[in-house]
Amino acid sequence: METEPSPFIANGASKTYTVTLRDRNTGNPVGAGSTIRVLFNENIGTVNGTTASATDVSNAATVVPSQRATGAATTLNLSTNASGTVTFSVTGSNTKATPIIFIDNGGTPRLDATDLQLWAPQVTFQGAQVSDQITVTPETEATIAASANRGRVYTMEVKKPDGTAFAGGVVQVAFNELIDSNLGTTTNGY
């Protein structure tokens, strides 16, 4: 299996995997038509463990692979080409994924202990500036901010990993109460 060296990938980017299926006796590629399935470890037995998706690069079929405690699994089903290889990509945003590549021995698309399987290293999809340093310092006292005619003032300092200023960049600030998708939390701040 060929993979990129870093386990951290920018949100929305993809990591591509190429898998070659070989005959266990000869070591030669198996040829066309063998089915290889892809599942994410984070989505086995859980709901929404990861929102990452897997895509068959040969036909653009995309799924969020998962396997619940009962019922059929949702797997990315790949068919080997004449060289015995399959290629797929994984993409996501603010999530992690551990691809499990397997050949189902039981005739159902569920991963179990009898299946031939290969676990790829976990990848993390994150914002490009995750390693930046952000410092938020209040410039006014909280008691002053509580008054009706004055708000609390904050200073934000953003530095790149090398310690230099993040000059010219845009920093977005939000109140959690306004972005948490919970109608029960509100704020009068602005």
N, C-alpha and C. Protein backbone atom coordinates (compact mmCIF):
# COMPACT_ATOMS: atom_id res chain seq x y z
N MET A 1 0.85 -1.17 0.00
CA MET A 1 0.00 0.00 0.00
C MET A 1 0.90 1.23 0.00
N GLU A 2 0.58 2.18 -0.85
CA GLU A 2 1.35 3.41 -0.92
C GLU A 2 0.51 4.53 -0.33
N THR A 3 1.09 5.30 0.59
CA THR A 3 0.37 6.39 1.21
C THR A 3 1.27 7.60 1.31
N GLU A 4 0.67 8.75 1.60
CA GLU A 4 1.43 9.96 1.84
C GLU A 4 2.07 9.87 3.22
N PRO A 5 3.19 10.55 3.48
CA PRO A 5 3.89 10.38 4.74
C PRO A 5 3.22 11.02 5.96
N SER A 6 2.47 12.10 5.82
CA SER A 6 1.94 12.80 6.98
C SER A 6 0.56 12.28 7.37
N PRO A 7 0.31 12.10 8.69
CA PRO A 7 -1.02 11.68 9.11
C PRO A 7 -2.00 12.86 9.21
N PHE A 8 -1.51 14.11 9.03
CA PHE A 8 -2.37 15.29 9.10
C PHE A 8 -2.61 15.83 7.71
N ILE A 9 -3.88 16.06 7.40
CA ILE A 9 -4.26 16.51 6.07
C ILE A 9 -5.19 17.71 6.23
N ALA A 10 -5.05 18.70 5.37
CA ALA A 10 -5.91 19.89 5.43
C ALA A 10 -7.36 19.50 5.16
N ASN A 11 -8.28 20.17 5.86
CA ASN A 11 -9.69 19.93 5.63
C ASN A 11 -10.03 20.01 4.15
N GLY A 12 -10.81 19.04 3.68
CA GLY A 12 -11.26 19.01 2.29
C GLY A 12 -10.27 18.38 1.32
N ALA A 13 -9.03 18.17 1.75
CA ALA A 13 -8.05 17.51 0.88
C ALA A 13 -8.26 16.00 0.97
N SER A 14 -7.55 15.25 0.15
CA SER A 14 -7.71 13.80 0.11
C SER A 14 -6.39 13.08 0.35
N LYS A 15 -6.50 11.89 0.87
CA LYS A 15 -5.37 10.99 0.98
C LYS A 15 -5.71 9.79 0.10
N THR A 16 -4.78 9.40 -0.76
CA THR A 16 -5.03 8.34 -1.73
C THR A 16 -4.28 7.08 -1.34
N TYR A 17 -4.96 5.95 -1.48
CA TYR A 17 -4.40 4.64 -1.16
C TYR A 17 -4.47 3.76 -2.40
N THR A 18 -3.40 3.01 -2.66
CA THR A 18 -3.39 2.01 -3.72
C THR A 18 -3.07 0.67 -3.08
N VAL A 19 -3.92 -0.31 -3.31
CA VAL A 19 -3.78 -1.63 -2.72
C VAL A 19 -3.66 -2.65 -3.84
N THR A 20 -2.70 -3.55 -3.73
CA THR A 20 -2.54 -4.65 -4.69
C THR A 20 -2.85 -5.95 -3.99
N LEU A 21 -3.80 -6.70 -4.56
CA LEU A 21 -4.16 -8.01 -4.02
C LEU A 21 -3.33 -9.06 -4.73
N ARG A 22 -2.63 -9.89 -3.95
CA ARG A 22 -1.73 -10.91 -4.51
C ARG A 22 -2.20 -12.31 -4.12
N ASP A 23 -1.93 -13.24 -5.00
CA ASP A 23 -2.23 -14.64 -4.73
C ASP A 23 -1.33 -15.10 -3.59
N ARG A 24 -1.91 -15.73 -2.57
CA ARG A 24 -1.13 -16.12 -1.40
C ARG A 24 -0.10 -17.20 -1.70
N ASN A 25 -0.30 -17.99 -2.76
CA ASN A 25 0.65 -19.06 -3.09
C ASN A 25 1.78 -18.60 -4.00
N THR A 26 1.44 -17.76 -4.99
CA THR A 26 2.45 -17.36 -5.97
C THR A 26 3.03 -15.97 -5.72
N GLY A 27 2.28 -15.12 -5.02
CA GLY A 27 2.72 -13.75 -4.81
C GLY A 27 2.42 -12.84 -5.98
N ASN A 28 1.82 -13.40 -7.03
CA ASN A 28 1.48 -12.59 -8.21
C ASN A 28 0.16 -11.87 -7.99
N PRO A 29 -0.02 -10.69 -8.64
CA PRO A 29 -1.31 -10.00 -8.56
C PRO A 29 -2.43 -10.91 -9.05
N VAL A 30 -3.62 -10.80 -8.44
CA VAL A 30 -4.73 -11.71 -8.74
C VAL A 30 -5.42 -11.43 -10.07
N GLY A 31 -5.31 -10.25 -10.62
CA GLY A 31 -6.00 -9.91 -11.85
C GLY A 31 -7.29 -9.17 -11.57
N ALA A 32 -8.12 -9.04 -12.59
CA ALA A 32 -9.33 -8.22 -12.50
C ALA A 32 -10.49 -8.98 -11.85
N GLY A 33 -11.37 -8.19 -11.22
CA GLY A 33 -12.64 -8.72 -10.76
C GLY A 33 -12.75 -9.15 -9.31
N SER A 34 -11.70 -9.10 -8.53
CA SER A 34 -11.81 -9.45 -7.10
C SER A 34 -12.34 -8.25 -6.33
N THR A 35 -13.21 -8.49 -5.35
CA THR A 35 -13.81 -7.41 -4.57
C THR A 35 -13.01 -7.16 -3.29
N ILE A 36 -12.66 -5.90 -3.10
CA ILE A 36 -12.00 -5.43 -1.89
C ILE A 36 -12.92 -4.38 -1.28
N ARG A 37 -13.12 -4.44 0.03
CA ARG A 37 -14.03 -3.52 0.71
C ARG A 37 -13.24 -2.59 1.64
N VAL A 38 -13.79 -1.39 1.85
CA VAL A 38 -13.16 -0.41 2.73
C VAL A 38 -14.18 0.01 3.79
N LEU A 39 -13.72 0.03 5.03
CA LEU A 39 -14.53 0.42 6.18
C LEU A 39 -13.67 1.31 7.05
N PHE A 40 -14.28 2.19 7.86
CA PHE A 40 -13.51 3.02 8.80
C PHE A 40 -13.67 2.47 10.21
N ASN A 41 -12.55 2.29 10.91
CA ASN A 41 -12.59 1.78 12.27
C ASN A 41 -13.45 2.64 13.18
N GLU A 42 -13.42 3.95 12.98
CA GLU A 42 -14.17 4.87 13.83
C GLU A 42 -15.69 4.67 13.71
N ASN A 43 -16.14 4.03 12.63
CA ASN A 43 -17.57 3.85 12.41
C ASN A 43 -18.02 2.40 12.60
N ILE A 44 -17.25 1.61 13.33
CA ILE A 44 -17.66 0.24 13.64
C ILE A 44 -18.35 0.25 15.00
N GLY A 45 -19.63 -0.11 15.03
CA GLY A 45 -20.38 -0.20 16.27
C GLY A 45 -20.77 1.13 16.87
N THR A 46 -20.52 2.24 16.18
CA THR A 46 -20.88 3.57 16.68
C THR A 46 -21.63 4.33 15.61
N VAL A 47 -22.34 5.35 16.02
CA VAL A 47 -23.04 6.22 15.08
C VAL A 47 -22.21 7.49 14.95
N ASN A 48 -21.87 7.84 13.73
CA ASN A 48 -21.13 9.08 13.44
C ASN A 48 -19.80 9.18 14.15
N GLY A 49 -19.02 8.09 14.18
CA GLY A 49 -17.68 8.14 14.73
C GLY A 49 -16.77 9.03 13.91
N THR A 50 -16.99 9.05 12.59
CA THR A 50 -16.27 9.95 11.70
C THR A 50 -17.19 10.31 10.55
N THR A 51 -17.01 11.50 10.04
CA THR A 51 -17.79 11.94 8.88
C THR A 51 -16.96 11.86 7.60
N ALA A 52 -15.76 11.33 7.69
CA ALA A 52 -14.90 11.19 6.51
C ALA A 52 -15.59 10.28 5.49
N SER A 53 -15.25 10.47 4.23
CA SER A 53 -15.82 9.63 3.17
C SER A 53 -14.71 8.96 2.38
N ALA A 54 -15.07 7.84 1.74
CA ALA A 54 -14.14 7.10 0.90
C ALA A 54 -14.68 7.10 -0.52
N THR A 55 -13.79 7.28 -1.50
CA THR A 55 -14.19 7.38 -2.90
C THR A 55 -13.37 6.42 -3.75
N ASP A 56 -14.06 5.66 -4.61
CA ASP A 56 -13.41 4.81 -5.60
C ASP A 56 -12.95 5.73 -6.73
N VAL A 57 -11.65 5.88 -6.93
CA VAL A 57 -11.17 6.82 -7.95
C VAL A 57 -11.48 6.37 -9.37
N SER A 58 -11.81 5.08 -9.56
CA SER A 58 -12.10 4.60 -10.91
C SER A 58 -13.50 4.99 -11.39
N ASN A 59 -14.44 5.22 -10.46
CA ASN A 59 -15.81 5.55 -10.89
C ASN A 59 -16.46 6.65 -10.06
N ALA A 60 -15.73 7.25 -9.12
CA ALA A 60 -16.20 8.35 -8.27
C ALA A 60 -17.30 7.95 -7.30
N ALA A 61 -17.56 6.67 -7.09
CA ALA A 61 -18.53 6.23 -6.08
C ALA A 61 -18.01 6.62 -4.70
N THR A 62 -18.85 7.27 -3.89
CA THR A 62 -18.44 7.77 -2.58
C THR A 62 -19.42 7.32 -1.52
N VAL A 63 -18.90 6.86 -0.38
CA VAL A 63 -19.72 6.49 0.77
C VAL A 63 -19.02 6.92 2.05
N VAL A 64 -19.78 6.97 3.13
CA VAL A 64 -19.22 7.10 4.48
C VAL A 64 -19.30 5.69 5.06
N PRO A 65 -18.20 4.93 5.01
CA PRO A 65 -18.24 3.53 5.44
C PRO A 65 -18.58 3.38 6.92
N SER A 66 -19.46 2.42 7.23
CA SER A 66 -19.86 2.20 8.62
C SER A 66 -20.35 0.78 8.80
N GLN A 67 -20.30 0.31 10.03
CA GLN A 67 -20.81 -1.02 10.38
C GLN A 67 -21.41 -0.93 11.77
N ARG A 68 -22.73 -1.00 11.85
CA ARG A 68 -23.43 -0.97 13.14
C ARG A 68 -23.41 -2.36 13.76
N ALA A 69 -23.93 -2.47 14.96
CA ALA A 69 -23.92 -3.74 15.68
C ALA A 69 -24.70 -4.83 14.95
N THR A 70 -25.76 -4.45 14.26
CA THR A 70 -26.56 -5.43 13.50
C THR A 70 -26.80 -4.90 12.10
N GLY A 71 -27.16 -5.80 11.21
CA GLY A 71 -27.46 -5.41 9.84
C GLY A 71 -26.23 -5.34 8.96
N ALA A 72 -26.47 -5.06 7.71
CA ALA A 72 -25.39 -4.98 6.73
C ALA A 72 -24.55 -3.72 6.97
N ALA A 73 -23.30 -3.80 6.62
CA ALA A 73 -22.41 -2.64 6.72
C ALA A 73 -22.50 -1.83 5.44
N THR A 74 -22.13 -0.56 5.54
CA THR A 74 -21.99 0.28 4.36
C THR A 74 -20.50 0.35 4.07
N THR A 75 -20.07 -0.31 3.02
CA THR A 75 -18.65 -0.34 2.68
C THR A 75 -18.43 0.23 1.29
N LEU A 76 -17.23 0.73 1.06
CA LEU A 76 -16.85 1.10 -0.29
C LEU A 76 -16.37 -0.18 -0.95
N ASN A 77 -17.05 -0.60 -2.01
CA ASN A 77 -16.73 -1.84 -2.70
C ASN A 77 -15.90 -1.53 -3.94
N LEU A 78 -14.70 -2.09 -3.98
CA LEU A 78 -13.76 -1.84 -5.06
C LEU A 78 -13.52 -3.14 -5.82
N SER A 79 -13.32 -3.04 -7.12
CA SER A 79 -13.02 -4.21 -7.94
C SER A 79 -11.62 -4.07 -8.51
N THR A 80 -10.79 -5.10 -8.32
CA THR A 80 -9.40 -5.03 -8.79
C THR A 80 -9.36 -4.90 -10.31
N ASN A 81 -8.34 -4.20 -10.80
CA ASN A 81 -8.13 -4.09 -12.24
C ASN A 81 -7.25 -5.26 -12.71
N ALA A 82 -6.83 -5.24 -13.96
CA ALA A 82 -6.04 -6.34 -14.53
C ALA A 82 -4.72 -6.54 -13.79
N SER A 83 -4.23 -5.51 -13.12
CA SER A 83 -2.99 -5.62 -12.35
C SER A 83 -3.23 -6.02 -10.90
N GLY A 84 -4.49 -6.30 -10.55
CA GLY A 84 -4.81 -6.70 -9.18
C GLY A 84 -4.83 -5.55 -8.20
N THR A 85 -4.94 -4.31 -8.68
CA THR A 85 -4.90 -3.15 -7.79
C THR A 85 -6.25 -2.43 -7.74
N VAL A 86 -6.46 -1.74 -6.64
CA VAL A 86 -7.57 -0.81 -6.47
C VAL A 86 -6.99 0.47 -5.91
N THR A 87 -7.63 1.59 -6.20
CA THR A 87 -7.19 2.87 -5.68
C THR A 87 -8.42 3.60 -5.14
N PHE A 88 -8.29 4.11 -3.93
CA PHE A 88 -9.38 4.88 -3.35
C PHE A 88 -8.80 6.06 -2.59
N SER A 89 -9.65 7.04 -2.33
CA SER A 89 -9.21 8.21 -1.57
C SER A 89 -10.13 8.42 -0.38
N VAL A 90 -9.59 9.08 0.64
CA VAL A 90 -10.34 9.39 1.85
C VAL A 90 -10.26 10.90 2.04
N THR A 91 -11.39 11.51 2.34
CA THR A 91 -11.42 12.95 2.58
C THR A 91 -12.35 13.25 3.74
N GLY A 92 -12.13 14.41 4.36
CA GLY A 92 -12.97 14.80 5.48
C GLY A 92 -12.65 16.21 5.94
N SER A 93 -13.32 16.62 7.00
CA SER A 93 -13.13 17.94 7.56
C SER A 93 -13.30 17.86 9.08
N ASN A 94 -12.25 18.22 9.81
CA ASN A 94 -12.25 18.18 11.28
C ASN A 94 -12.68 16.81 11.80
N THR A 95 -12.07 15.78 11.28
CA THR A 95 -12.38 14.41 11.68
C THR A 95 -11.16 13.53 11.51
N LYS A 96 -11.27 12.29 11.97
CA LYS A 96 -10.21 11.30 11.82
C LYS A 96 -10.78 10.07 11.14
N ALA A 97 -9.93 9.31 10.45
CA ALA A 97 -10.38 8.07 9.81
C ALA A 97 -9.24 7.07 9.77
N THR A 98 -9.57 5.82 10.10
CA THR A 98 -8.63 4.71 10.01
C THR A 98 -9.21 3.71 9.02
N PRO A 99 -8.74 3.73 7.76
CA PRO A 99 -9.30 2.80 6.77
C PRO A 99 -8.91 1.36 7.08
N ILE A 100 -9.89 0.48 6.99
CA ILE A 100 -9.66 -0.97 7.08
C ILE A 100 -10.02 -1.53 5.71
N ILE A 101 -9.03 -2.12 5.06
CA ILE A 101 -9.22 -2.72 3.74
C ILE A 101 -9.37 -4.21 3.98
N PHE A 102 -10.48 -4.81 3.48
CA PHE A 102 -10.67 -6.22 3.77
C PHE A 102 -11.33 -6.97 2.62
N ILE A 103 -11.13 -8.29 2.64
CA ILE A 103 -11.79 -9.20 1.71
C ILE A 103 -12.74 -10.04 2.54
N ASP A 104 -14.01 -9.96 2.21
CA ASP A 104 -15.03 -10.64 3.00
C ASP A 104 -15.05 -12.13 2.69
N ASN A 105 -14.85 -12.94 3.71
CA ASN A 105 -14.87 -14.40 3.55
C ASN A 105 -16.25 -15.00 3.78
N GLY A 106 -17.19 -14.19 4.34
CA GLY A 106 -18.48 -14.74 4.71
C GLY A 106 -19.61 -14.44 3.76
N GLY A 107 -19.37 -13.70 2.71
CA GLY A 107 -20.42 -13.40 1.75
C GLY A 107 -21.30 -12.22 2.14
N THR A 108 -21.04 -11.59 3.25
CA THR A 108 -21.77 -10.38 3.64
C THR A 108 -20.75 -9.26 3.74
N PRO A 109 -21.19 -8.03 3.53
CA PRO A 109 -20.22 -6.92 3.58
C PRO A 109 -19.89 -6.48 5.00
N ARG A 110 -19.77 -7.42 5.92
CA ARG A 110 -19.43 -7.10 7.31
C ARG A 110 -18.03 -7.59 7.63
N LEU A 111 -17.26 -6.75 8.29
CA LEU A 111 -15.93 -7.13 8.72
C LEU A 111 -16.04 -8.04 9.94
N ASP A 112 -15.34 -9.17 9.91
CA ASP A 112 -15.26 -10.03 11.10
C ASP A 112 -13.86 -10.62 11.18
N ALA A 113 -13.60 -11.37 12.22
CA ALA A 113 -12.25 -11.88 12.50
C ALA A 113 -11.72 -12.83 11.44
N THR A 114 -12.60 -13.44 10.63
CA THR A 114 -12.13 -14.39 9.61
C THR A 114 -11.72 -13.72 8.31
N ASP A 115 -12.00 -12.43 8.17
CA ASP A 115 -11.70 -11.73 6.93
C ASP A 115 -10.22 -11.34 6.85
N LEU A 116 -9.64 -11.47 5.66
CA LEU A 116 -8.30 -10.96 5.39
C LEU A 116 -8.40 -9.43 5.45
N GLN A 117 -7.60 -8.79 6.30
CA GLN A 117 -7.75 -7.35 6.49
C GLN A 117 -6.41 -6.65 6.67
N LEU A 118 -6.39 -5.40 6.29
CA LEU A 118 -5.23 -4.53 6.42
C LEU A 118 -5.71 -3.20 6.98
N TRP A 119 -5.09 -2.77 8.06
CA TRP A 119 -5.44 -1.48 8.66
C TRP A 119 -4.41 -0.44 8.23
N ALA A 120 -4.88 0.63 7.63
CA ALA A 120 -4.00 1.74 7.26
C ALA A 120 -3.84 2.65 8.47
N PRO A 121 -2.78 3.44 8.53
CA PRO A 121 -2.62 4.38 9.65
C PRO A 121 -3.76 5.40 9.67
N GLN A 122 -4.12 5.83 10.88
CA GLN A 122 -5.17 6.84 11.03
C GLN A 122 -4.72 8.16 10.43
N VAL A 123 -5.63 8.85 9.75
CA VAL A 123 -5.36 10.19 9.24
C VAL A 123 -6.28 11.17 9.94
N THR A 124 -5.78 12.39 10.11
CA THR A 124 -6.54 13.44 10.77
C THR A 124 -6.71 14.59 9.78
N PHE A 125 -7.97 14.98 9.58
CA PHE A 125 -8.27 16.13 8.73
C PHE A 125 -8.49 17.32 9.65
N GLN A 126 -7.74 18.40 9.41
CA GLN A 126 -7.81 19.56 10.29
C GLN A 126 -7.55 20.83 9.51
N GLY A 127 -7.87 21.96 10.16
CA GLY A 127 -7.62 23.25 9.54
C GLY A 127 -6.14 23.47 9.33
N ALA A 128 -5.81 24.21 8.31
CA ALA A 128 -4.40 24.43 7.96
C ALA A 128 -3.64 25.17 9.05
N GLN A 129 -4.33 25.95 9.87
CA GLN A 129 -3.65 26.75 10.89
C GLN A 129 -3.70 26.13 12.28
N VAL A 130 -3.92 24.83 12.38
CA VAL A 130 -4.04 24.20 13.69
C VAL A 130 -2.81 24.42 14.56
N SER A 131 -1.64 24.47 13.97
CA SER A 131 -0.42 24.61 14.76
C SER A 131 -0.08 26.07 15.09
N ASP A 132 -0.90 27.03 14.62
CA ASP A 132 -0.68 28.42 14.98
C ASP A 132 -0.97 28.63 16.46
N GLN A 133 -0.33 29.65 17.04
CA GLN A 133 -0.54 29.98 18.45
C GLN A 133 -1.50 31.16 18.53
N ILE A 134 -2.59 30.99 19.29
CA ILE A 134 -3.57 32.06 19.44
C ILE A 134 -3.65 32.44 20.91
N THR A 135 -3.46 33.74 21.20
CA THR A 135 -3.54 34.24 22.56
C THR A 135 -4.64 35.29 22.61
N VAL A 136 -5.58 35.13 23.55
CA VAL A 136 -6.66 36.10 23.74
C VAL A 136 -6.50 36.69 25.13
N THR A 137 -6.38 38.03 25.19
CA THR A 137 -6.16 38.72 26.47
C THR A 137 -7.24 39.77 26.67
N PRO A 138 -7.95 39.74 27.82
CA PRO A 138 -8.94 40.79 28.08
C PRO A 138 -8.23 42.10 28.43
N GLU A 139 -8.71 43.20 27.87
CA GLU A 139 -8.12 44.52 28.13
C GLU A 139 -8.92 45.29 29.17
N THR A 140 -10.11 44.81 29.49
CA THR A 140 -10.96 45.49 30.47
C THR A 140 -11.39 44.48 31.52
N GLU A 141 -11.80 44.99 32.68
CA GLU A 141 -12.27 44.14 33.77
C GLU A 141 -13.67 43.61 33.45
N ALA A 142 -13.98 42.43 33.95
CA ALA A 142 -15.29 41.83 33.72
C ALA A 142 -16.41 42.67 34.32
N THR A 143 -16.14 43.36 35.44
CA THR A 143 -17.19 44.17 36.06
C THR A 143 -17.54 45.36 35.19
N ILE A 144 -16.56 45.90 34.49
CA ILE A 144 -16.84 47.00 33.58
C ILE A 144 -17.67 46.50 32.40
N ALA A 145 -17.34 45.34 31.93
CA ALA A 145 -18.07 44.78 30.79
C ALA A 145 -19.52 44.52 31.13
N ALA A 146 -19.84 44.33 32.40
CA ALA A 146 -21.21 44.05 32.80
C ALA A 146 -22.08 45.30 32.78
N SER A 147 -21.49 46.48 32.68
CA SER A 147 -22.28 47.70 32.66
C SER A 147 -23.06 47.81 31.35
N ALA A 148 -24.09 48.62 31.37
CA ALA A 148 -25.00 48.71 30.22
C ALA A 148 -24.40 49.48 29.05
N ASN A 149 -23.38 50.30 29.29
CA ASN A 149 -22.87 51.15 28.21
C ASN A 149 -21.44 50.86 27.80
N ARG A 150 -20.91 49.73 28.22
CA ARG A 150 -19.54 49.42 27.82
C ARG A 150 -19.36 47.92 27.70
N GLY A 151 -18.71 47.46 26.68
CA GLY A 151 -18.42 46.04 26.50
C GLY A 151 -17.00 45.72 26.93
N ARG A 152 -16.71 44.46 26.96
CA ARG A 152 -15.36 44.02 27.32
C ARG A 152 -14.50 44.00 26.06
N VAL A 153 -13.29 44.49 26.15
CA VAL A 153 -12.38 44.56 25.00
C VAL A 153 -11.33 43.46 25.14
N TYR A 154 -11.07 42.77 24.05
CA TYR A 154 -10.06 41.71 24.02
C TYR A 154 -9.03 42.02 22.94
N THR A 155 -7.81 41.59 23.17
CA THR A 155 -6.76 41.66 22.16
C THR A 155 -6.40 40.24 21.77
N MET A 156 -6.35 40.00 20.46
CA MET A 156 -5.97 38.68 19.96
C MET A 156 -4.63 38.77 19.26
N GLU A 157 -3.76 37.81 19.57
CA GLU A 157 -2.46 37.73 18.92
C GLU A 157 -2.33 36.34 18.30
N VAL A 158 -2.01 36.31 17.02
CA VAL A 158 -1.88 35.03 16.31
C VAL A 158 -0.47 34.95 15.75
N LYS A 159 0.20 33.84 16.07
CA LYS A 159 1.57 33.61 15.58
C LYS A 159 1.63 32.28 14.84
N LYS A 160 2.43 32.26 13.80
CA LYS A 160 2.67 31.03 13.05
C LYS A 160 3.54 30.09 13.89
N PRO A 161 3.65 28.81 13.50
CA PRO A 161 4.46 27.87 14.28
C PRO A 161 5.89 28.33 14.53
N ASP A 162 6.45 29.14 13.63
CA ASP A 162 7.83 29.61 13.82
C ASP A 162 7.92 30.83 14.75
N GLY A 163 6.78 31.29 15.29
CA GLY A 163 6.77 32.41 16.23
C GLY A 163 6.58 33.76 15.60
N THR A 164 6.54 33.85 14.27
CA THR A 164 6.33 35.14 13.60
C THR A 164 4.84 35.45 13.55
N ALA A 165 4.53 36.74 13.45
CA ALA A 165 3.13 37.18 13.42
C ALA A 165 2.41 36.67 12.18
N PHE A 166 1.15 36.36 12.35
CA PHE A 166 0.29 35.92 11.25
C PHE A 166 -0.25 37.19 10.59
N ALA A 167 0.62 37.92 9.90
CA ALA A 167 0.29 39.23 9.34
C ALA A 167 -0.65 39.10 8.15
N GLY A 168 -1.64 39.97 8.11
CA GLY A 168 -2.54 40.04 6.97
C GLY A 168 -3.61 38.95 6.95
N GLY A 169 -3.60 38.07 7.92
CA GLY A 169 -4.59 37.00 7.96
C GLY A 169 -5.91 37.47 8.54
N VAL A 170 -6.94 36.70 8.33
CA VAL A 170 -8.26 36.99 8.87
C VAL A 170 -8.54 36.02 10.01
N VAL A 171 -8.92 36.56 11.16
CA VAL A 171 -9.28 35.75 12.32
C VAL A 171 -10.77 35.92 12.54
N GLN A 172 -11.50 34.83 12.52
CA GLN A 172 -12.94 34.89 12.75
C GLN A 172 -13.24 34.54 14.20
N VAL A 173 -14.09 35.35 14.82
CA VAL A 173 -14.46 35.15 16.21
C VAL A 173 -15.97 34.96 16.26
N ALA A 174 -16.42 34.02 17.09
CA ALA A 174 -17.86 33.77 17.21
C ALA A 174 -18.21 33.46 18.65
N PHE A 175 -19.44 33.71 19.02
CA PHE A 175 -19.97 33.30 20.32
C PHE A 175 -20.45 31.87 20.17
N ASN A 176 -19.98 30.97 21.03
CA ASN A 176 -20.39 29.57 20.96
C ASN A 176 -21.90 29.44 21.00
N GLU A 177 -22.57 30.29 21.77
CA GLU A 177 -24.02 30.23 21.89
C GLU A 177 -24.73 30.47 20.56
N LEU A 178 -24.06 31.12 19.64
CA LEU A 178 -24.67 31.41 18.34
C LEU A 178 -24.33 30.37 17.28
N ILE A 179 -23.31 29.55 17.52
CA ILE A 179 -22.89 28.58 16.50
C ILE A 179 -23.02 27.13 16.94
N ASP A 180 -23.54 26.88 18.15
CA ASP A 180 -23.57 25.50 18.67
C ASP A 180 -24.77 24.68 18.20
N SER A 181 -25.61 25.21 17.33
CA SER A 181 -26.78 24.51 16.78
C SER A 181 -27.77 24.11 17.86
N ASN A 182 -27.73 24.76 19.00
CA ASN A 182 -28.64 24.48 20.10
C ASN A 182 -29.53 25.72 20.28
N LEU A 183 -30.82 25.58 19.99
CA LEU A 183 -31.73 26.73 20.10
C LEU A 183 -31.93 27.18 21.54
N GLY A 184 -31.55 26.37 22.51
CA GLY A 184 -31.72 26.70 23.91
C GLY A 184 -30.64 27.59 24.48
N THR A 185 -29.55 27.82 23.73
CA THR A 185 -28.49 28.70 24.22
C THR A 185 -28.48 29.99 23.40
N THR A 186 -28.43 31.12 24.08
CA THR A 186 -28.42 32.41 23.41
C THR A 186 -27.44 33.34 24.11
N THR A 187 -27.17 34.47 23.51
CA THR A 187 -26.34 35.49 24.11
C THR A 187 -26.82 36.85 23.65
N ASN A 188 -26.60 37.85 24.48
CA ASN A 188 -26.89 39.22 24.10
C ASN A 188 -25.61 39.94 23.64
N GLY A 189 -24.51 39.22 23.62
CA GLY A 189 -23.24 39.80 23.20
C GLY A 189 -23.22 40.05 21.71
N TYR A 190 -22.40 40.98 21.29
CA TYR A 190 -22.20 41.24 19.86
C TYR A 190 -20.85 41.85 19.63
